[in-house]
Amino acid sequence: MPRIAFAIVLAITCTFLAAAVPAGAQDAKPKTVRSKPGQPVEIDGVPCSRATFWGEFFGRKYAVTEFHENGALAGCVASAAADIGGRHYAAGDRVTLDPDGQPVR
C-alpha cells in the first residue's frame, strides 16, 4: 500500500511542477555548457585534463570542462603547464576564462 501512495503523490507532484514552469523557460539555453572529456584535450589553446565521475564525486579539483554560450572555453583543469593571457598555470590548476578567452581572477 505505501508504494501505491508514493506513486500517486509522485505523479501529482510531477504534474504540478511541470505546470508551474513559466512558458519558454524549458527552451531557454544554459549560460554555460558542461562537458567531461574522456582524454586530455587542447581547447582554444588550453591543455585541458580529462574528467571522471569519481574525481568530481570525491572532490578531486573541479574537473568538469565548461563552455560559454558562444562556444568559447569557460574553464577546465590544466593537463600541462600553460601561459594564457599573460598568466602562468601549472598542471592541475583550474583555468577560468571569460567569453573572450581572457583569464578570470
C-alpha atoms as a PDB file:
ATOM      1  CA  MET A   1       0.000   0.000   0.000  1.00  0.00           C
ATOM      2  CA  PRO A   2       2.779   2.552   0.786  1.00  0.00           C
ATOM      3  CA  ARG A   3       4.243   2.077  -2.705  1.00  0.00           C
ATOM      4  CA  ILE A   4       0.927   2.912  -4.330  1.00  0.00           C
ATOM      5  CA  ALA A   5       0.538   6.030  -2.183  1.00  0.00           C
ATOM      6  CA  PHE A   6       4.088   7.088  -3.033  1.00  0.00           C
ATOM      7  CA  ALA A   7       3.442   6.579  -6.757  1.00  0.00           C
ATOM      8  CA  ILE A   8       0.264   8.670  -6.581  1.00  0.00           C
ATOM      9  CA  VAL A   9       1.984  11.505  -4.697  1.00  0.00           C
ATOM     10  CA  LEU A  10       4.909  11.414  -7.143  1.00  0.00           C
ATOM     11  CA  ALA A  11       2.596  11.572 -10.173  1.00  0.00           C
ATOM     12  CA  ILE A  12       0.642  14.512  -8.730  1.00  0.00           C
ATOM     13  CA  THR A  13       3.840  16.367  -7.786  1.00  0.00           C
ATOM     14  CA  CYS A  14       5.372  15.934 -11.240  1.00  0.00           C
ATOM     15  CA  THR A  15       2.149  17.119 -12.870  1.00  0.00           C
ATOM     16  CA  PHE A  16       2.001  20.320 -10.814  1.00  0.00           C
ATOM     17  CA  LEU A  17       5.737  21.025 -11.146  1.00  0.00           C
ATOM     18  CA  ALA A  18       5.558  20.793 -14.918  1.00  0.00           C
ATOM     19  CA  ALA A  19       2.606  23.206 -14.953  1.00  0.00           C
ATOM     20  CA  ALA A  20       4.468  25.673 -12.693  1.00  0.00           C
ATOM     21  CA  VAL A  21       7.346  26.213 -15.154  1.00  0.00           C
ATOM     22  CA  PRO A  22       6.888  29.543 -16.996  1.00  0.00           C
ATOM     23  CA  ALA A  23       6.281  29.381 -20.738  1.00  0.00           C
ATOM     24  CA  GLY A  24       9.541  29.376 -22.703  1.00  0.00           C
ATOM     25  CA  ALA A  25      11.674  28.513 -19.663  1.00  0.00           C
ATOM     26  CA  GLN A  26      12.143  24.949 -20.851  1.00  0.00           C
ATOM     27  CA  ASP A  27      13.530  26.197 -24.176  1.00  0.00           C
ATOM     28  CA  ALA A  28      15.994  28.669 -22.626  1.00  0.00           C
ATOM     29  CA  LYS A  29      19.647  27.971 -23.411  1.00  0.00           C
ATOM     30  CA  PRO A  30      22.024  27.457 -20.485  1.00  0.00           C
ATOM     31  CA  LYS A  31      24.655  30.143 -19.986  1.00  0.00           C
ATOM     32  CA  THR A  32      27.364  27.537 -19.512  1.00  0.00           C
ATOM     33  CA  VAL A  33      27.621  24.116 -21.110  1.00  0.00           C
ATOM     34  CA  ARG A  34      29.420  21.379 -19.179  1.00  0.00           C
ATOM     35  CA  SER A  35      31.431  18.511 -20.616  1.00  0.00           C
ATOM     36  CA  LYS A  36      33.531  15.678 -19.240  1.00  0.00           C
ATOM     37  CA  PRO A  37      36.219  14.835 -21.808  1.00  0.00           C
ATOM     38  CA  GLY A  38      37.463  11.246 -21.623  1.00  0.00           C
ATOM     39  CA  GLN A  39      41.012  12.134 -22.677  1.00  0.00           C
ATOM     40  CA  PRO A  40      43.242  15.183 -22.202  1.00  0.00           C
ATOM     41  CA  VAL A  41      42.442  17.629 -24.990  1.00  0.00           C
ATOM     42  CA  GLU A  42      43.551  21.097 -26.094  1.00  0.00           C
ATOM     43  CA  ILE A  43      40.653  23.551 -26.361  1.00  0.00           C
ATOM     44  CA  ASP A  44      41.161  27.149 -27.506  1.00  0.00           C
ATOM     45  CA  GLY A  45      44.889  26.731 -26.874  1.00  0.00           C
ATOM     46  CA  VAL A  46      44.381  25.487 -23.295  1.00  0.00           C
ATOM     47  CA  PRO A  47      45.527  21.938 -22.401  1.00  0.00           C
ATOM     48  CA  CYS A  48      42.511  20.531 -20.533  1.00  0.00           C
ATOM     49  CA  SER A  49      42.697  17.335 -18.486  1.00  0.00           C
ATOM     50  CA  ARG A  50      40.212  14.536 -18.727  1.00  0.00           C
ATOM     51  CA  ALA A  51      37.360  14.412 -16.223  1.00  0.00           C
ATOM     52  CA  THR A  52      35.961  11.446 -14.345  1.00  0.00           C
ATOM     53  CA  PHE A  53      32.831  10.925 -12.333  1.00  0.00           C
ATOM     54  CA  TRP A  54      34.849   9.752  -9.330  1.00  0.00           C
ATOM     55  CA  GLY A  55      37.099  12.797  -9.479  1.00  0.00           C
ATOM     56  CA  GLU A  56      34.064  15.056  -9.333  1.00  0.00           C
ATOM     57  CA  PHE A  57      32.282  12.968  -6.717  1.00  0.00           C
ATOM     58  CA  PHE A  58      35.210  12.822  -4.313  1.00  0.00           C
ATOM     59  CA  GLY A  59      36.190  16.453  -4.840  1.00  0.00           C
ATOM     60  CA  ARG A  60      39.484  15.967  -6.718  1.00  0.00           C
ATOM     61  CA  LYS A  61      39.519  19.501  -8.059  1.00  0.00           C
ATOM     62  CA  TYR A  62      36.729  20.770 -10.223  1.00  0.00           C
ATOM     63  CA  ALA A  63      37.358  18.539 -13.236  1.00  0.00           C
ATOM     64  CA  VAL A  64      34.383  19.388 -15.462  1.00  0.00           C
ATOM     65  CA  THR A  65      35.179  21.347 -18.625  1.00  0.00           C
ATOM     66  CA  GLU A  66      32.774  24.237 -19.223  1.00  0.00           C
ATOM     67  CA  PHE A  67      31.934  26.336 -22.277  1.00  0.00           C
ATOM     68  CA  HIS A  68      30.316  29.755 -22.628  1.00  0.00           C
ATOM     69  CA  GLU A  69      27.163  30.230 -24.669  1.00  0.00           C
ATOM     70  CA  ASN A  70      29.298  31.467 -27.589  1.00  0.00           C
ATOM     71  CA  GLY A  71      31.212  28.146 -27.607  1.00  0.00           C
ATOM     72  CA  ALA A  72      34.408  29.549 -26.080  1.00  0.00           C
ATOM     73  CA  LEU A  73      36.109  27.661 -23.262  1.00  0.00           C
ATOM     74  CA  ALA A  74      34.862  28.848 -19.846  1.00  0.00           C
ATOM     75  CA  GLY A  75      37.064  26.650 -17.677  1.00  0.00           C
ATOM     76  CA  CYS A  76      38.909  23.397 -17.149  1.00  0.00           C
ATOM     77  CA  VAL A  77      41.736  21.853 -15.148  1.00  0.00           C
ATOM     78  CA  ALA A  78      45.049  22.271 -16.982  1.00  0.00           C
ATOM     79  CA  SER A  79      46.636  18.973 -18.017  1.00  0.00           C
ATOM     80  CA  ALA A  80      50.023  20.656 -18.568  1.00  0.00           C
ATOM     81  CA  ALA A  81      51.694  23.938 -17.713  1.00  0.00           C
ATOM     82  CA  ALA A  82      50.478  26.790 -19.914  1.00  0.00           C
ATOM     83  CA  ASP A  83      50.747  30.569 -20.269  1.00  0.00           C
ATOM     84  CA  ILE A  84      47.316  32.014 -21.035  1.00  0.00           C
ATOM     85  CA  GLY A  85      46.606  35.721 -21.329  1.00  0.00           C
ATOM     86  CA  GLY A  86      49.807  36.656 -19.523  1.00  0.00           C
ATOM     87  CA  ARG A  87      49.178  34.302 -16.596  1.00  0.00           C
ATOM     88  CA  HIS A  88      51.026  31.064 -15.881  1.00  0.00           C
ATOM     89  CA  TYR A  89      49.043  27.956 -14.958  1.00  0.00           C
ATOM     90  CA  ALA A  90      50.708  24.795 -13.685  1.00  0.00           C
ATOM     91  CA  ALA A  91      49.381  21.335 -14.494  1.00  0.00           C
ATOM     92  CA  GLY A  92      46.402  20.682 -12.217  1.00  0.00           C
ATOM     93  CA  ASP A  93      45.454  24.372 -11.838  1.00  0.00           C
ATOM     94  CA  ARG A  94      41.881  25.410 -12.586  1.00  0.00           C
ATOM     95  CA  VAL A  95      41.791  27.711 -15.638  1.00  0.00           C
ATOM     96  CA  THR A  96      38.774  30.040 -15.775  1.00  0.00           C
ATOM     97  CA  LEU A  97      38.242  32.228 -18.838  1.00  0.00           C
ATOM     98  CA  ASP A  98      35.754  34.932 -19.824  1.00  0.00           C
ATOM     99  CA  PRO A  99      33.802  34.685 -23.121  1.00  0.00           C
ATOM    100  CA  ASP A 100      36.654  36.500 -24.903  1.00  0.00           C
ATOM    101  CA  GLY A 101      39.229  33.895 -23.770  1.00  0.00           C
ATOM    102  CA  GLN A 102      40.925  36.057 -21.130  1.00  0.00           C
ATOM    103  CA  PRO A 103      41.730  34.672 -17.661  1.00  0.00           C
ATOM    104  CA  VAL A 104      39.332  35.483 -14.832  1.00  0.00           C
ATOM    105  CA  ARG A 105      40.616  36.022 -11.241  1.00  0.00           C
END
